Amino acid sequence: MKHTIVSLMLCAAIGVSAQQTDADLQQQRVVEREAYNQARRLNTVDSWDIFINNYPESFFIEQARKQRDAAVVRAYCNPQTTLERLTTYIDENTAHEPRIKSFYANLVNNPTHSYRFEHMDIGFNGCTGTVDETLHIAGEKKARHCRFVFNDQGLLTQSSIQNARGKTTVTTYEYAYDNLHGYSLSRINRAGHTENIEPFYDSLDKLEILAGDTRNKWVYSYNDAGAIAKVVVTDGDSRRTLVYNDGYIIRQESAGSVLRYLYDYDSATFKKYLIGITQIETETPQPERKFEYQIDTRGRITSVTVTQDGKTLMTIRRTYSN
């Protein structure tokens, strides 16, 4: 009889404990749901991070992670995102959201992006704002004055380039935007002539072709890692092939001429700077063109001297608006 009473008491205790556990679980679920709904109402990267950190074992955790990923994409893939913000994300995250990675690649691979656009073979290394240049070219009595205007995404919007006779040609650049691919060059206006540009993308949403309606065309190739490997540029009757490594031009082929680009890595700015251009694969090789720089604390070129065979070809000085 005593054993029966004890057994009944144990069963009752277990039942109460089970009820309490179920009640606790239900209460926990209610708390988690409210926290999840709060994160969803805010729908920001921070709100989802808070939920994920506070409730890592939650029933809603997988949904929260998907929502956070979507919030990250929205935060970076939009027309207000600046070059600085995108570059910081790419530099700080080893595992990139594929959509953001494609968005960034399409931006910097625009031929008028400040990483890619080269004037006198000197890149702009991701500038924004206005860049003023003064060029002193050997054999010319007067300096040339040029100006380049970049937007917050590092895309060239206007160039003013002065020739040896003092005439300045102003070119403006316009861009299209869509939420899937980001920015693309859409129009070039130069000396009363307008060139309309249409982009084409590959199956991975990477920029594949930029085709102008009259003269210009850019055809892009990528390596197995998805980085740019080659660009074939057609401008009227001229054609250039640019070969890239790690985002930098290392070889240019045009009209039977082959040039090799040499760089030096600066550990303070984490950037490479062009230090030499050598003509190769020719019966009459030319002396190497050499480049010596002064840079500011942000890695931007403030002056460069270009020499060949010990003689100065030109000096370039730059000032920046920001």
C-alpha atoms as a PDB file:
ATOM      1  CA  MET A   1       0.000   0.000   0.000  1.00  0.00           C
ATOM      2  CA  LYS A   2       2.806   2.390   0.894  1.00  0.00           C
ATOM      3  CA  HIS A   3       4.515   1.628  -2.415  1.00  0.00           C
ATOM      4  CA  THR A   4       1.325   2.475  -4.285  1.00  0.00           C
ATOM      5  CA  ILE A   5       0.962   5.816  -2.497  1.00  0.00           C
ATOM      6  CA  VAL A   6       4.606   6.726  -3.200  1.00  0.00           C
ATOM      7  CA  SER A   7       4.213   5.791  -6.861  1.00  0.00           C
ATOM      8  CA  LEU A   8       1.090   7.948  -7.168  1.00  0.00           C
ATOM      9  CA  MET A   9       2.917  10.847  -5.523  1.00  0.00           C
ATOM     10  CA  LEU A  10       5.868  10.477  -7.920  1.00  0.00           C
ATOM     11  CA  CYS A  11       3.579  10.361 -10.939  1.00  0.00           C
ATOM     12  CA  ALA A  12       1.787  13.467  -9.732  1.00  0.00           C
ATOM     13  CA  ALA A  13       5.115  15.272  -9.228  1.00  0.00           C
ATOM     14  CA  ILE A  14       6.281  14.287 -12.699  1.00  0.00           C
ATOM     15  CA  GLY A  15       2.990  15.488 -14.161  1.00  0.00           C
ATOM     16  CA  VAL A  16       3.293  18.837 -12.413  1.00  0.00           C
ATOM     17  CA  SER A  17       6.907  19.128 -13.583  1.00  0.00           C
ATOM     18  CA  ALA A  18       5.914  18.338 -17.172  1.00  0.00           C
ATOM     19  CA  GLN A  19       3.128  20.933 -17.015  1.00  0.00           C
ATOM     20  CA  GLN A  20       5.564  23.501 -15.665  1.00  0.00           C
ATOM     21  CA  THR A  21       8.052  22.674 -18.443  1.00  0.00           C
ATOM     22  CA  ASP A  22       5.380  23.044 -21.115  1.00  0.00           C
ATOM     23  CA  ALA A  23       4.272  26.314 -19.560  1.00  0.00           C
ATOM     24  CA  ASP A  24       7.847  27.564 -19.458  1.00  0.00           C
ATOM     25  CA  LEU A  25       8.356  26.612 -23.097  1.00  0.00           C
ATOM     26  CA  GLN A  26       5.151  28.346 -24.113  1.00  0.00           C
ATOM     27  CA  GLN A  27       6.168  31.457 -22.197  1.00  0.00           C
ATOM     28  CA  GLN A  28       9.610  31.385 -23.793  1.00  0.00           C
ATOM     29  CA  ARG A  29       8.015  31.014 -27.221  1.00  0.00           C
ATOM     30  CA  VAL A  30       5.814  34.040 -26.516  1.00  0.00           C
ATOM     31  CA  VAL A  31       8.864  36.107 -25.519  1.00  0.00           C
ATOM     32  CA  GLU A  32      10.785  34.998 -28.586  1.00  0.00           C
ATOM     33  CA  ARG A  33       7.862  35.722 -30.894  1.00  0.00           C
ATOM     34  CA  GLU A  34       7.494  39.232 -29.511  1.00  0.00           C
ATOM     35  CA  ALA A  35      11.231  39.846 -29.904  1.00  0.00           C
ATOM     36  CA  TYR A  36      11.079  38.465 -33.448  1.00  0.00           C
ATOM     37  CA  ASN A  37       8.111  40.685 -34.314  1.00  0.00           C
ATOM     38  CA  GLN A  38       9.931  43.683 -32.893  1.00  0.00           C
ATOM     39  CA  ALA A  39      12.960  42.936 -35.071  1.00  0.00           C
ATOM     40  CA  ARG A  40      10.684  42.503 -38.079  1.00  0.00           C
ATOM     41  CA  ARG A  41       8.943  45.837 -37.436  1.00  0.00           C
ATOM     42  CA  LEU A  42      12.325  47.618 -37.441  1.00  0.00           C
ATOM     43  CA  ASN A  43      13.710  45.326 -40.164  1.00  0.00           C
ATOM     44  CA  THR A  44      17.285  46.599 -39.941  1.00  0.00           C
ATOM     45  CA  VAL A  45      20.610  44.798 -39.771  1.00  0.00           C
ATOM     46  CA  ASP A  46      21.014  45.905 -36.149  1.00  0.00           C
ATOM     47  CA  SER A  47      17.547  44.738 -35.069  1.00  0.00           C
ATOM     48  CA  TRP A  48      18.118  41.276 -36.551  1.00  0.00           C
ATOM     49  CA  ASP A  49      21.611  41.082 -35.050  1.00  0.00           C
ATOM     50  CA  ILE A  50      20.155  41.824 -31.609  1.00  0.00           C
ATOM     51  CA  PHE A  51      17.559  39.076 -31.967  1.00  0.00           C
ATOM     52  CA  ILE A  52      20.087  36.524 -33.263  1.00  0.00           C
ATOM     53  CA  ASN A  53      22.535  37.302 -30.445  1.00  0.00           C
ATOM     54  CA  ASN A  54      19.844  37.185 -27.730  1.00  0.00           C
ATOM     55  CA  TYR A  55      18.032  34.063 -28.947  1.00  0.00           C
ATOM     56  CA  PRO A  56      20.577  31.834 -30.760  1.00  0.00           C
ATOM     57  CA  GLU A  57      18.514  28.674 -30.047  1.00  0.00           C
ATOM     58  CA  SER A  58      15.169  30.224 -30.944  1.00  0.00           C
ATOM     59  CA  PHE A  59      12.522  28.460 -32.991  1.00  0.00           C
ATOM     60  CA  PHE A  60      12.641  31.559 -35.246  1.00  0.00           C
ATOM     61  CA  ILE A  61      16.429  31.657 -35.672  1.00  0.00           C
ATOM     62  CA  GLU A  62      16.602  30.459 -39.288  1.00  0.00           C
ATOM     63  CA  GLN A  63      13.953  32.952 -40.375  1.00  0.00           C
ATOM     64  CA  ALA A  64      15.801  35.683 -38.508  1.00  0.00           C
ATOM     65  CA  ARG A  65      19.062  34.852 -40.272  1.00  0.00           C
ATOM     66  CA  LYS A  66      17.383  35.005 -43.678  1.00  0.00           C
ATOM     67  CA  GLN A  67      15.789  38.332 -42.775  1.00  0.00           C
ATOM     68  CA  ARG A  68      19.151  39.669 -41.606  1.00  0.00           C
ATOM     69  CA  ASP A  69      20.820  38.622 -44.873  1.00  0.00           C
ATOM     70  CA  ALA A  70      18.090  40.432 -46.797  1.00  0.00           C
ATOM     71  CA  ALA A  71      18.554  43.524 -44.618  1.00  0.00           C
ATOM     72  CA  VAL A  72      22.314  43.503 -45.282  1.00  0.00           C
ATOM     73  CA  VAL A  73      21.691  43.397 -49.029  1.00  0.00           C
ATOM     74  CA  ARG A  74      19.197  46.270 -48.789  1.00  0.00           C
ATOM     75  CA  ALA A  75      21.646  48.304 -46.731  1.00  0.00           C
ATOM     76  CA  TYR A  76      24.379  48.088 -49.371  1.00  0.00           C
ATOM     77  CA  CYS A  77      22.593  47.509 -52.678  1.00  0.00           C
ATOM     78  CA  ASN A  78      20.823  50.820 -53.126  1.00  0.00           C
ATOM     79  CA  PRO A  79      21.462  54.030 -55.090  1.00  0.00           C
ATOM     80  CA  GLN A  80      22.546  55.946 -51.966  1.00  0.00           C
ATOM     81  CA  THR A  81      25.384  53.576 -51.052  1.00  0.00           C
ATOM     82  CA  THR A  82      28.737  55.308 -51.288  1.00  0.00           C
ATOM     83  CA  LEU A  83      32.007  53.892 -52.559  1.00  0.00           C
ATOM     84  CA  GLU A  84      33.512  54.244 -49.083  1.00  0.00           C
ATOM     85  CA  ARG A  85      30.701  52.242 -47.475  1.00  0.00           C
ATOM     86  CA  LEU A  86      30.865  49.468 -50.071  1.00  0.00           C
ATOM     87  CA  THR A  87      34.660  49.262 -49.948  1.00  0.00           C
ATOM     88  CA  THR A  88      34.603  49.011 -46.156  1.00  0.00           C
ATOM     89  CA  TYR A  89      32.124  46.113 -46.336  1.00  0.00           C
ATOM     90  CA  ILE A  90      34.203  44.266 -48.957  1.00  0.00           C
ATOM     91  CA  ASP A  91      37.420  44.803 -46.996  1.00  0.00           C
ATOM     92  CA  GLU A  92      35.988  43.750 -43.614  1.00  0.00           C
ATOM     93  CA  ASN A  93      33.927  40.704 -44.629  1.00  0.00           C
ATOM     94  CA  THR A  94      35.725  37.646 -45.897  1.00  0.00           C
ATOM     95  CA  ALA A  95      32.425  35.891 -46.703  1.00  0.00           C
ATOM     96  CA  HIS A  96      30.609  38.398 -48.898  1.00  0.00           C
ATOM     97  CA  GLU A  97      26.912  38.331 -49.626  1.00  0.00           C
ATOM     98  CA  PRO A  98      26.934  37.284 -53.341  1.00  0.00           C
ATOM     99  CA  ARG A  99      24.499  40.046 -54.282  1.00  0.00           C
ATOM    100  CA  ILE A 100      26.671  42.747 -52.662  1.00  0.00           C
ATOM    101  CA  LYS A 101      29.817  41.306 -54.224  1.00  0.00           C
ATOM    102  CA  SER A 102      28.245  41.478 -57.706  1.00  0.00           C
ATOM    103  CA  PHE A 103      26.891  44.975 -57.016  1.00  0.00           C
ATOM    104  CA  TYR A 104      30.369  46.156 -56.005  1.00  0.00           C
ATOM    105  CA  ALA A 105      32.103  44.436 -58.945  1.00  0.00           C
ATOM    106  CA  ASN A 106      29.701  45.978 -61.464  1.00  0.00           C
ATOM    107  CA  LEU A 107      30.365  49.391 -59.926  1.00  0.00           C
ATOM    108  CA  VAL A 108      34.166  49.321 -59.945  1.00  0.00           C
ATOM    109  CA  ASN A 109      34.325  47.613 -63.350  1.00  0.00           C
ATOM    110  CA  ASN A 110      32.564  50.539 -65.001  1.00  0.00           C
ATOM    111  CA  PRO A 111      35.163  51.949 -67.435  1.00  0.00           C
ATOM    112  CA  THR A 112      34.695  55.394 -65.868  1.00  0.00           C
ATOM    113  CA  HIS A 113      35.079  54.279 -62.277  1.00  0.00           C
ATOM    114  CA  SER A 114      37.932  55.948 -60.468  1.00  0.00           C
ATOM    115  CA  TYR A 115      39.704  52.619 -59.923  1.00  0.00           C
ATOM    116  CA  ARG A 116      39.645  51.863 -63.632  1.00  0.00           C
ATOM    117  CA  PHE A 117      39.644  55.188 -65.462  1.00  0.00           C
ATOM    118  CA  GLU A 118      43.230  56.055 -66.286  1.00  0.00           C
ATOM    119  CA  HIS A 119      44.520  59.398 -67.553  1.00  0.00           C
ATOM    120  CA  MET A 120      48.181  59.482 -68.618  1.00  0.00           C
ATOM    121  CA  ASP A 121      48.375  55.906 -67.294  1.00  0.00           C
ATOM    122  CA  ILE A 122      47.887  57.091 -63.715  1.00  0.00           C
ATOM    123  CA  GLY A 123      44.876  55.625 -61.884  1.00  0.00           C
ATOM    124  CA  PHE A 124      42.758  57.597 -59.406  1.00  0.00           C
ATOM    125  CA  ASN A 125      42.605  54.910 -56.690  1.00  0.00           C
ATOM    126  CA  GLY A 126      38.978  55.358 -55.700  1.00  0.00           C
ATOM    127  CA  CYS A 127      38.568  59.138 -55.621  1.00  0.00           C
ATOM    128  CA  THR A 128      35.325  61.005 -55.037  1.00  0.00           C
ATOM    129  CA  GLY A 129      34.735  64.730 -55.496  1.00  0.00           C
ATOM    130  CA  THR A 130      36.837  66.967 -57.767  1.00  0.00           C
ATOM    131  CA  VAL A 131      40.415  66.309 -58.849  1.00  0.00           C
ATOM    132  CA  ASP A 132      42.386  69.137 -60.478  1.00  0.00           C
ATOM    133  CA  GLU A 133      45.477  68.297 -62.494  1.00  0.00           C
ATOM    134  CA  THR A 134      48.329  70.414 -63.778  1.00  0.00           C
ATOM    135  CA  LEU A 135      50.526  68.754 -66.391  1.00  0.00           C
ATOM    136  CA  HIS A 136      53.973  69.938 -67.439  1.00  0.00           C
ATOM    137  CA  ILE A 137      54.926  68.050 -70.592  1.00  0.00           C
ATOM    138  CA  ALA A 138      58.438  68.078 -72.024  1.00  0.00           C
ATOM    139  CA  GLY A 139      58.694  70.394 -75.041  1.00  0.00           C
ATOM    140  CA  GLU A 140      55.550  72.366 -74.215  1.00  0.00           C
ATOM    141  CA  LYS A 141      55.889  75.949 -72.962  1.00  0.00           C
ATOM    142  CA  LYS A 142      52.561  76.104 -71.119  1.00  0.00           C
ATOM    143  CA  ALA A 143      51.128  73.731 -68.554  1.00  0.00           C
ATOM    144  CA  ARG A 144      47.885  71.892 -69.274  1.00  0.00           C
ATOM    145  CA  HIS A 145      45.048  72.100 -66.779  1.00  0.00           C
ATOM    146  CA  CYS A 146      42.536  69.283 -66.419  1.00  0.00           C
ATOM    147  CA  ARG A 147      39.685  68.547 -64.053  1.00  0.00           C
ATOM    148  CA  PHE A 148      37.870  65.326 -63.170  1.00  0.00           C
ATOM    149  CA  VAL A 149      34.657  65.154 -61.160  1.00  0.00           C
ATOM    150  CA  PHE A 150      33.651  61.913 -59.434  1.00  0.00           C
ATOM    151  CA  ASN A 151      30.391  61.189 -57.614  1.00  0.00           C
ATOM    152  CA  ASP A 152      30.014  59.478 -54.229  1.00  0.00           C
ATOM    153  CA  GLN A 153      30.216  56.069 -55.944  1.00  0.00           C
ATOM    154  CA  GLY A 154      33.600  56.887 -57.519  1.00  0.00           C
ATOM    155  CA  LEU A 155      32.116  57.187 -61.010  1.00  0.00           C
ATOM    156  CA  LEU A 156      33.457  59.903 -63.292  1.00  0.00           C
ATOM    157  CA  THR A 157      30.686  62.399 -64.093  1.00  0.00           C
ATOM    158  CA  GLN A 158      32.718  65.047 -65.937  1.00  0.00           C
ATOM    159  CA  SER A 159      36.202  65.467 -67.379  1.00  0.00           C
ATOM    160  CA  SER A 160      37.741  68.680 -68.686  1.00  0.00           C
ATOM    161  CA  ILE A 161      40.959  67.952 -70.598  1.00  0.00           C
ATOM    162  CA  GLN A 162      43.163  70.640 -72.098  1.00  0.00           C
ATOM    163  CA  ASN A 163      45.298  69.909 -75.156  1.00  0.00           C
ATOM    164  CA  ALA A 164      48.666  71.378 -76.203  1.00  0.00           C
ATOM    165  CA  ARG A 165      46.961  74.333 -77.929  1.00  0.00           C
ATOM    166  CA  GLY A 166      45.057  75.262 -74.790  1.00  0.00           C
ATOM    167  CA  LYS A 167      41.664  74.022 -75.995  1.00  0.00           C
ATOM    168  CA  THR A 168      39.590  72.252 -73.332  1.00  0.00           C
ATOM    169  CA  THR A 169      37.273  69.387 -74.196  1.00  0.00           C
ATOM    170  CA  VAL A 170      34.498  68.780 -71.678  1.00  0.00           C
ATOM    171  CA  THR A 171      32.954  65.320 -71.512  1.00  0.00           C
ATOM    172  CA  THR A 172      30.039  64.339 -69.287  1.00  0.00           C
ATOM    173  CA  TYR A 173      29.070  60.837 -68.251  1.00  0.00           C
ATOM    174  CA  GLU A 174      25.638  59.625 -67.187  1.00  0.00           C
ATOM    175  CA  TYR A 175      24.651  56.388 -65.437  1.00  0.00           C
ATOM    176  CA  ALA A 176      21.662  54.103 -65.206  1.00  0.00           C
ATOM    177  CA  TYR A 177      20.739  52.200 -62.065  1.00  0.00           C
ATOM    178  CA  ASP A 178      18.712  49.104 -61.310  1.00  0.00           C
ATOM    179  CA  ASN A 179      18.297  47.277 -58.022  1.00  0.00           C
ATOM    180  CA  LEU A 180      19.713  44.007 -59.318  1.00  0.00           C
ATOM    181  CA  HIS A 181      22.910  45.152 -61.031  1.00  0.00           C
ATOM    182  CA  GLY A 182      23.551  48.596 -59.618  1.00  0.00           C
ATOM    183  CA  TYR A 183      25.152  51.318 -61.734  1.00  0.00           C
ATOM    184  CA  SER A 184      26.165  51.180 -65.388  1.00  0.00           C
ATOM    185  CA  LEU A 185      27.447  53.773 -67.836  1.00  0.00           C
ATOM    186  CA  SER A 186      24.495  54.883 -69.993  1.00  0.00           C
ATOM    187  CA  ARG A 187      25.551  58.005 -71.895  1.00  0.00           C
ATOM    188  CA  ILE A 188      28.692  59.903 -72.932  1.00  0.00           C
ATOM    189  CA  ASN A 189      28.383  63.507 -74.124  1.00  0.00           C
ATOM    190  CA  ARG A 190      31.454  65.001 -75.783  1.00  0.00           C
ATOM    191  CA  ALA A 191      31.718  68.103 -78.016  1.00  0.00           C
ATOM    192  CA  GLY A 192      28.052  67.954 -79.034  1.00  0.00           C
ATOM    193  CA  HIS A 193      28.119  64.228 -79.727  1.00  0.00           C
ATOM    194  CA  THR A 194      26.099  61.808 -77.589  1.00  0.00           C
ATOM    195  CA  GLU A 195      26.917  58.128 -77.284  1.00  0.00           C
ATOM    196  CA  ASN A 196      24.236  55.919 -75.715  1.00  0.00           C
ATOM    197  CA  ILE A 197      25.555  52.868 -73.865  1.00  0.00           C
ATOM    198  CA  GLU A 198      23.663  49.650 -73.090  1.00  0.00           C
ATOM    199  CA  PRO A 199      24.847  47.074 -70.519  1.00  0.00           C
ATOM    200  CA  PHE A 200      24.594  43.298 -70.816  1.00  0.00           C
ATOM    201  CA  TYR A 201      25.151  40.908 -67.899  1.00  0.00           C
ATOM    202  CA  ASP A 202      26.112  37.245 -67.633  1.00  0.00           C
ATOM    203  CA  SER A 203      24.217  34.507 -65.806  1.00  0.00           C
ATOM    204  CA  LEU A 204      25.836  35.561 -62.501  1.00  0.00           C
ATOM    205  CA  ASP A 205      24.708  39.184 -62.982  1.00  0.00           C
ATOM    206  CA  LYS A 206      28.274  40.359 -63.681  1.00  0.00           C
ATOM    207  CA  LEU A 207      28.859  43.071 -66.254  1.00  0.00           C
ATOM    208  CA  GLU A 208      29.689  41.306 -69.523  1.00  0.00           C
ATOM    209  CA  ILE A 209      29.335  43.929 -72.277  1.00  0.00           C
ATOM    210  CA  LEU A 210      28.888  47.684 -72.484  1.00  0.00           C
ATOM    211  CA  ALA A 211      27.864  48.501 -76.042  1.00  0.00           C
ATOM    212  CA  GLY A 212      27.673  52.005 -77.480  1.00  0.00           C
ATOM    213  CA  ASP A 213      25.339  52.856 -80.328  1.00  0.00           C
ATOM    214  CA  THR A 214      28.141  54.243 -82.516  1.00  0.00           C
ATOM    215  CA  ARG A 215      31.791  53.838 -81.480  1.00  0.00           C
ATOM    216  CA  ASN A 216      32.479  52.385 -78.067  1.00  0.00           C
ATOM    217  CA  LYS A 217      32.308  48.834 -76.740  1.00  0.00           C
ATOM    218  CA  TRP A 218      33.738  47.104 -73.674  1.00  0.00           C
ATOM    219  CA  VAL A 219      33.746  43.284 -73.381  1.00  0.00           C
ATOM    220  CA  TYR A 220      34.604  41.786 -69.963  1.00  0.00           C
ATOM    221  CA  SER A 221      36.045  38.394 -69.050  1.00  0.00           C
ATOM    222  CA  TYR A 222      36.424  36.958 -65.531  1.00  0.00           C
ATOM    223  CA  ASN A 223      38.629  34.298 -63.975  1.00  0.00           C
ATOM    224  CA  ASP A 224      37.424  31.227 -62.056  1.00  0.00           C
ATOM    225  CA  ALA A 225      37.336  33.230 -58.820  1.00  0.00           C
ATOM    226  CA  GLY A 226      34.967  35.748 -60.410  1.00  0.00           C
ATOM    227  CA  ALA A 227      37.528  38.576 -60.574  1.00  0.00           C
ATOM    228  CA  ILE A 228      38.032  40.631 -63.708  1.00  0.00           C
ATOM    229  CA  ALA A 229      40.646  39.076 -65.996  1.00  0.00           C
ATOM    230  CA  LYS A 230      40.407  40.935 -69.312  1.00  0.00           C
ATOM    231  CA  VAL A 231      38.633  43.841 -70.992  1.00  0.00           C
ATOM    232  CA  VAL A 232      38.553  44.332 -74.752  1.00  0.00           C
ATOM    233  CA  VAL A 233      37.922  48.000 -75.561  1.00  0.00           C
ATOM    234  CA  THR A 234      36.773  49.100 -79.017  1.00  0.00           C
ATOM    235  CA  ASP A 235      36.674  52.797 -79.902  1.00  0.00           C
ATOM    236  CA  GLY A 236      35.836  53.293 -83.566  1.00  0.00           C
ATOM    237  CA  ASP A 237      38.567  51.589 -85.571  1.00  0.00           C
ATOM    238  CA  SER A 238      40.918  51.146 -82.602  1.00  0.00           C
ATOM    239  CA  ARG A 239      40.964  48.131 -80.336  1.00  0.00           C
ATOM    240  CA  ARG A 240      42.771  47.541 -77.036  1.00  0.00           C
ATOM    241  CA  THR A 241      42.974  44.449 -74.861  1.00  0.00           C
ATOM    242  CA  LEU A 242      43.628  45.048 -71.170  1.00  0.00           C
ATOM    243  CA  VAL A 243      44.717  42.087 -69.030  1.00  0.00           C
ATOM    244  CA  TYR A 244      44.145  42.334 -65.256  1.00  0.00           C
ATOM    245  CA  ASN A 245      45.547  40.698 -62.162  1.00  0.00           C
ATOM    246  CA  ASP A 246      44.160  41.442 -58.703  1.00  0.00           C
ATOM    247  CA  GLY A 247      42.237  44.421 -60.081  1.00  0.00           C
ATOM    248  CA  TYR A 248      45.228  46.072 -61.807  1.00  0.00           C
ATOM    249  CA  ILE A 249      46.120  46.247 -65.501  1.00  0.00           C
ATOM    250  CA  ILE A 250      49.264  44.190 -66.097  1.00  0.00           C
ATOM    251  CA  ARG A 251      49.275  44.072 -69.906  1.00  0.00           C
ATOM    252  CA  GLN A 252      47.910  46.094 -72.817  1.00  0.00           C
ATOM    253  CA  GLU A 253      47.741  44.937 -76.423  1.00  0.00           C
ATOM    254  CA  SER A 254      46.868  47.323 -79.265  1.00  0.00           C
ATOM    255  CA  ALA A 255      47.784  47.582 -82.954  1.00  0.00           C
ATOM    256  CA  GLY A 256      50.696  45.197 -82.640  1.00  0.00           C
ATOM    257  CA  SER A 257      52.058  46.911 -79.533  1.00  0.00           C
ATOM    258  CA  VAL A 258      52.287  45.027 -76.244  1.00  0.00           C
ATOM    259  CA  LEU A 259      52.901  46.903 -73.002  1.00  0.00           C
ATOM    260  CA  ARG A 260      53.650  45.385 -69.610  1.00  0.00           C
ATOM    261  CA  TYR A 261      52.622  47.307 -66.473  1.00  0.00           C
ATOM    262  CA  LEU A 262      54.744  47.043 -63.324  1.00  0.00           C
ATOM    263  CA  TYR A 263      53.546  47.974 -59.821  1.00  0.00           C
ATOM    264  CA  ASP A 264      54.870  48.542 -56.347  1.00  0.00           C
ATOM    265  CA  TYR A 265      52.771  47.687 -53.293  1.00  0.00           C
ATOM    266  CA  ASP A 266      52.534  50.318 -50.560  1.00  0.00           C
ATOM    267  CA  SER A 267      51.977  48.683 -47.164  1.00  0.00           C
ATOM    268  CA  ALA A 268      50.814  51.954 -45.588  1.00  0.00           C
ATOM    269  CA  THR A 269      47.880  52.476 -47.985  1.00  0.00           C
ATOM    270  CA  PHE A 270      47.318  48.811 -49.041  1.00  0.00           C
ATOM    271  CA  LYS A 271      47.367  49.912 -52.682  1.00  0.00           C
ATOM    272  CA  LYS A 272      49.547  49.275 -55.696  1.00  0.00           C
ATOM    273  CA  TYR A 273      51.078  52.088 -57.711  1.00  0.00           C
ATOM    274  CA  LEU A 274      52.217  51.929 -61.315  1.00  0.00           C
ATOM    275  CA  ILE A 275      56.005  52.291 -61.399  1.00  0.00           C
ATOM    276  CA  GLY A 276      56.860  51.218 -64.927  1.00  0.00           C
ATOM    277  CA  ILE A 277      55.537  50.498 -68.416  1.00  0.00           C
ATOM    278  CA  THR A 278      57.689  48.371 -70.693  1.00  0.00           C
ATOM    279  CA  GLN A 279      57.123  47.625 -74.356  1.00  0.00           C
ATOM    280  CA  ILE A 280      57.591  43.921 -75.010  1.00  0.00           C
ATOM    281  CA  GLU A 281      57.339  41.473 -77.910  1.00  0.00           C
ATOM    282  CA  THR A 282      58.903  43.935 -80.332  1.00  0.00           C
ATOM    283  CA  GLU A 283      62.054  43.904 -82.483  1.00  0.00           C
ATOM    284  CA  THR A 284      62.939  47.457 -81.426  1.00  0.00           C
ATOM    285  CA  PRO A 285      62.206  47.654 -77.688  1.00  0.00           C
ATOM    286  CA  GLN A 286      61.717  51.090 -76.181  1.00  0.00           C
ATOM    287  CA  PRO A 287      63.182  52.213 -72.849  1.00  0.00           C
ATOM    288  CA  GLU A 288      60.905  51.659 -69.874  1.00  0.00           C
ATOM    289  CA  ARG A 289      58.700  54.532 -68.778  1.00  0.00           C
ATOM    290  CA  LYS A 290      59.171  55.011 -65.034  1.00  0.00           C
ATOM    291  CA  PHE A 291      56.857  56.658 -62.513  1.00  0.00           C
ATOM    292  CA  GLU A 292      57.781  58.254 -59.207  1.00  0.00           C
ATOM    293  CA  TYR A 293      55.049  59.412 -56.813  1.00  0.00           C
ATOM    294  CA  GLN A 294      54.169  61.484 -53.866  1.00  0.00           C
ATOM    295  CA  ILE A 295      50.994  60.374 -52.103  1.00  0.00           C
ATOM    296  CA  ASP A 296      48.896  61.751 -49.267  1.00  0.00           C
ATOM    297  CA  THR A 297      47.784  59.959 -46.095  1.00  0.00           C
ATOM    298  CA  ARG A 298      44.749  58.551 -47.917  1.00  0.00           C
ATOM    299  CA  GLY A 299      46.858  56.944 -50.622  1.00  0.00           C
ATOM    300  CA  ARG A 300      45.962  59.515 -53.284  1.00  0.00           C
ATOM    301  CA  ILE A 301      48.571  60.688 -55.742  1.00  0.00           C
ATOM    302  CA  THR A 302      49.535  64.349 -55.255  1.00  0.00           C
ATOM    303  CA  SER A 303      52.369  64.386 -57.792  1.00  0.00           C
ATOM    304  CA  VAL A 304      54.054  62.051 -60.247  1.00  0.00           C
ATOM    305  CA  THR A 305      57.099  62.339 -62.444  1.00  0.00           C
ATOM    306  CA  VAL A 306      57.265  60.222 -65.601  1.00  0.00           C
ATOM    307  CA  THR A 307      60.708  59.554 -67.071  1.00  0.00           C
ATOM    308  CA  GLN A 308      62.069  57.526 -69.948  1.00  0.00           C
ATOM    309  CA  ASP A 309      65.756  56.768 -70.579  1.00  0.00           C
ATOM    310  CA  GLY A 310      66.662  59.220 -67.820  1.00  0.00           C
ATOM    311  CA  LYS A 311      64.704  62.117 -69.336  1.00  0.00           C
ATOM    312  CA  THR A 312      61.573  63.655 -67.810  1.00  0.00           C
ATOM    313  CA  LEU A 313      58.536  63.226 -70.044  1.00  0.00           C
ATOM    314  CA  MET A 314      56.040  64.957 -67.790  1.00  0.00           C
ATOM    315  CA  THR A 315      55.125  65.908 -64.267  1.00  0.00           C
ATOM    316  CA  ILE A 316      51.585  65.812 -62.932  1.00  0.00           C
ATOM    317  CA  ARG A 317      50.316  67.547 -59.815  1.00  0.00           C
ATOM    318  CA  ARG A 318      46.905  66.930 -58.310  1.00  0.00           C
ATOM    319  CA  THR A 319      44.702  68.610 -55.746  1.00  0.00           C
ATOM    320  CA  TYR A 320      41.536  67.133 -54.272  1.00  0.00           C
ATOM    321  CA  SER A 321      38.317  68.763 -53.117  1.00  0.00           C
ATOM    322  CA  ASN A 322      37.772  66.349 -50.209  1.00  0.00           C
END
